[in-house]
């Protein structure tokens, strides 16, 4: 089982992502009521070159962090290099 860490500081998140050749991305999605919401994602370079085309648009770190803070999210990472965005309220 891999050890996990939860990152909340912007500099720690950016360092972790860029060390793994990732960039911030965002998508506009609609909920069932038709309201638009921003969905945050991190895009990573595939081993065979290029980014996976997942429908997300690259964005600046400033915009990504503003939305991360607005949604009160943190980045949960494992030693194996996996990550997911989690609500900050779930951090012990």
C-alpha atoms as a PDB file:
ATOM      1  CA  UNK A   1       0.000   0.000   0.000  1.00  0.00           C
ATOM      2  CA  UNK A   2       1.392   3.420  -0.971  1.00  0.00           C
ATOM      3  CA  UNK A   3       1.663   6.210   1.548  1.00  0.00           C
ATOM      4  CA  UNK A   4      -0.537   9.205   0.765  1.00  0.00           C
ATOM      5  CA  UNK A   5      -0.070  12.892   1.436  1.00  0.00           C
ATOM      6  CA  UNK A   6      -2.528  15.732   1.012  1.00  0.00           C
ATOM      7  CA  UNK A   7      -1.139  18.959  -0.421  1.00  0.00           C
ATOM      8  CA  UNK A   8      -2.855  22.305   0.145  1.00  0.00           C
ATOM      9  CA  UNK A   9      -0.085  24.872  -0.393  1.00  0.00           C
ATOM     10  CA  UNK A  10       0.004  26.169  -3.944  1.00  0.00           C
ATOM     11  CA  UNK A  11       3.790  25.933  -4.203  1.00  0.00           C
ATOM     12  CA  UNK A  12       3.766  22.282  -3.051  1.00  0.00           C
ATOM     13  CA  UNK A  13       1.041  21.347  -5.532  1.00  0.00           C
ATOM     14  CA  UNK A  14       2.735  23.119  -8.434  1.00  0.00           C
ATOM     15  CA  UNK A  15       6.102  21.515  -7.627  1.00  0.00           C
ATOM     16  CA  UNK A  16       4.590  18.032  -7.372  1.00  0.00           C
ATOM     17  CA  UNK A  17       2.757  18.410 -10.692  1.00  0.00           C
ATOM     18  CA  UNK A  18       5.591  19.999 -12.675  1.00  0.00           C
ATOM     19  CA  UNK A  19       8.082  17.424 -11.362  1.00  0.00           C
ATOM     20  CA  UNK A  20       5.866  14.823 -13.052  1.00  0.00           C
ATOM     21  CA  UNK A  21       5.543  16.800 -16.312  1.00  0.00           C
ATOM     22  CA  UNK A  22       1.994  17.899 -15.641  1.00  0.00           C
ATOM     23  CA  UNK A  23       0.053  21.073 -16.349  1.00  0.00           C
ATOM     24  CA  UNK A  24      -3.180  22.523 -14.934  1.00  0.00           C
ATOM     25  CA  UNK A  25      -6.361  22.163 -16.979  1.00  0.00           C
ATOM     26  CA  UNK A  26     -10.019  23.073 -16.620  1.00  0.00           C
ATOM     27  CA  UNK A  27     -13.283  22.104 -18.301  1.00  0.00           C
ATOM     28  CA  UNK A  28     -16.703  23.700 -18.216  1.00  0.00           C
ATOM     29  CA  UNK A  29     -19.367  21.139 -17.454  1.00  0.00           C
ATOM     30  CA  UNK A  30     -23.117  21.500 -16.982  1.00  0.00           C
ATOM     31  CA  UNK A  31     -25.020  19.920 -14.121  1.00  0.00           C
ATOM     32  CA  UNK A  32     -28.490  18.448 -14.566  1.00  0.00           C
ATOM     33  CA  UNK A  33     -30.021  21.919 -14.084  1.00  0.00           C
ATOM     34  CA  UNK A  34     -27.950  23.379 -16.925  1.00  0.00           C
ATOM     35  CA  UNK A  35     -25.710  25.389 -14.620  1.00  0.00           C
ATOM     36  CA  UNK A  36     -22.089  25.630 -15.736  1.00  0.00           C
ATOM     37  CA  UNK A  37     -19.314  24.571 -13.353  1.00  0.00           C
ATOM     38  CA  UNK A  38     -15.538  24.412 -13.621  1.00  0.00           C
ATOM     39  CA  UNK A  39     -13.982  20.984 -13.322  1.00  0.00           C
ATOM     40  CA  UNK A  40     -10.295  20.964 -12.430  1.00  0.00           C
ATOM     41  CA  UNK A  41      -7.879  18.361 -13.746  1.00  0.00           C
ATOM     42  CA  UNK A  42      -4.161  17.863 -14.055  1.00  0.00           C
ATOM     43  CA  UNK A  43      -2.850  16.720 -17.433  1.00  0.00           C
ATOM     44  CA  UNK A  44       0.317  14.664 -17.629  1.00  0.00           C
ATOM     45  CA  UNK A  45       2.538  13.846 -20.594  1.00  0.00           C
ATOM     46  CA  UNK A  46       2.132  10.280 -21.764  1.00  0.00           C
ATOM     47  CA  UNK A  47       5.277   8.181 -21.869  1.00  0.00           C
ATOM     48  CA  UNK A  48       5.035   8.025 -25.685  1.00  0.00           C
ATOM     49  CA  UNK A  49       4.901  11.813 -26.025  1.00  0.00           C
ATOM     50  CA  UNK A  50       2.145  14.380 -25.947  1.00  0.00           C
ATOM     51  CA  UNK A  51      -0.789  14.918 -23.654  1.00  0.00           C
ATOM     52  CA  UNK A  52      -3.820  12.678 -23.478  1.00  0.00           C
ATOM     53  CA  UNK A  53      -6.711  14.370 -25.304  1.00  0.00           C
ATOM     54  CA  UNK A  54      -9.315  14.343 -22.551  1.00  0.00           C
ATOM     55  CA  UNK A  55     -11.417  17.350 -23.529  1.00  0.00           C
ATOM     56  CA  UNK A  56      -9.767  19.600 -20.963  1.00  0.00           C
ATOM     57  CA  UNK A  57      -8.258  22.982 -21.783  1.00  0.00           C
ATOM     58  CA  UNK A  58      -4.891  24.000 -20.359  1.00  0.00           C
ATOM     59  CA  UNK A  59      -5.036  27.064 -18.101  1.00  0.00           C
ATOM     60  CA  UNK A  60      -2.663  29.175 -16.045  1.00  0.00           C
ATOM     61  CA  UNK A  61      -1.615  28.152 -12.562  1.00  0.00           C
ATOM     62  CA  UNK A  62      -3.141  31.394 -11.251  1.00  0.00           C
ATOM     63  CA  UNK A  63      -6.584  30.590 -12.665  1.00  0.00           C
ATOM     64  CA  UNK A  64      -6.337  26.942 -11.601  1.00  0.00           C
ATOM     65  CA  UNK A  65      -5.386  27.827  -8.017  1.00  0.00           C
ATOM     66  CA  UNK A  66      -8.157  30.444  -7.808  1.00  0.00           C
ATOM     67  CA  UNK A  67     -10.702  27.769  -8.740  1.00  0.00           C
ATOM     68  CA  UNK A  68      -9.056  25.223  -6.396  1.00  0.00           C
ATOM     69  CA  UNK A  69      -9.461  27.658  -3.499  1.00  0.00           C
ATOM     70  CA  UNK A  70     -13.005  28.611  -4.520  1.00  0.00           C
ATOM     71  CA  UNK A  71     -14.027  24.937  -4.500  1.00  0.00           C
ATOM     72  CA  UNK A  72     -12.050  24.299  -1.274  1.00  0.00           C
ATOM     73  CA  UNK A  73     -10.083  21.390  -2.763  1.00  0.00           C
ATOM     74  CA  UNK A  74      -6.711  19.824  -1.956  1.00  0.00           C
ATOM     75  CA  UNK A  75      -4.487  17.424  -3.901  1.00  0.00           C
ATOM     76  CA  UNK A  76      -4.120  13.926  -2.464  1.00  0.00           C
ATOM     77  CA  UNK A  77      -0.994  12.191  -3.809  1.00  0.00           C
ATOM     78  CA  UNK A  78       0.606   8.766  -3.423  1.00  0.00           C
ATOM     79  CA  UNK A  79       4.239   7.703  -3.552  1.00  0.00           C
ATOM     80  CA  UNK A  80       3.313   5.817  -6.723  1.00  0.00           C
ATOM     81  CA  UNK A  81       2.566   9.109  -8.489  1.00  0.00           C
ATOM     82  CA  UNK A  82      -1.232   8.930  -8.490  1.00  0.00           C
ATOM     83  CA  UNK A  83      -3.299  11.949  -7.505  1.00  0.00           C
ATOM     84  CA  UNK A  84      -6.857  13.103  -6.986  1.00  0.00           C
ATOM     85  CA  UNK A  85      -8.596  16.290  -5.950  1.00  0.00           C
ATOM     86  CA  UNK A  86     -10.396  15.950  -2.612  1.00  0.00           C
ATOM     87  CA  UNK A  87     -12.456  18.347  -0.460  1.00  0.00           C
ATOM     88  CA  UNK A  88     -10.306  20.129   2.122  1.00  0.00           C
ATOM     89  CA  UNK A  89     -12.986  19.308   4.720  1.00  0.00           C
ATOM     90  CA  UNK A  90     -11.931  15.637   4.538  1.00  0.00           C
ATOM     91  CA  UNK A  91      -8.379  16.393   5.698  1.00  0.00           C
ATOM     92  CA  UNK A  92      -7.681  15.299   9.251  1.00  0.00           C
END
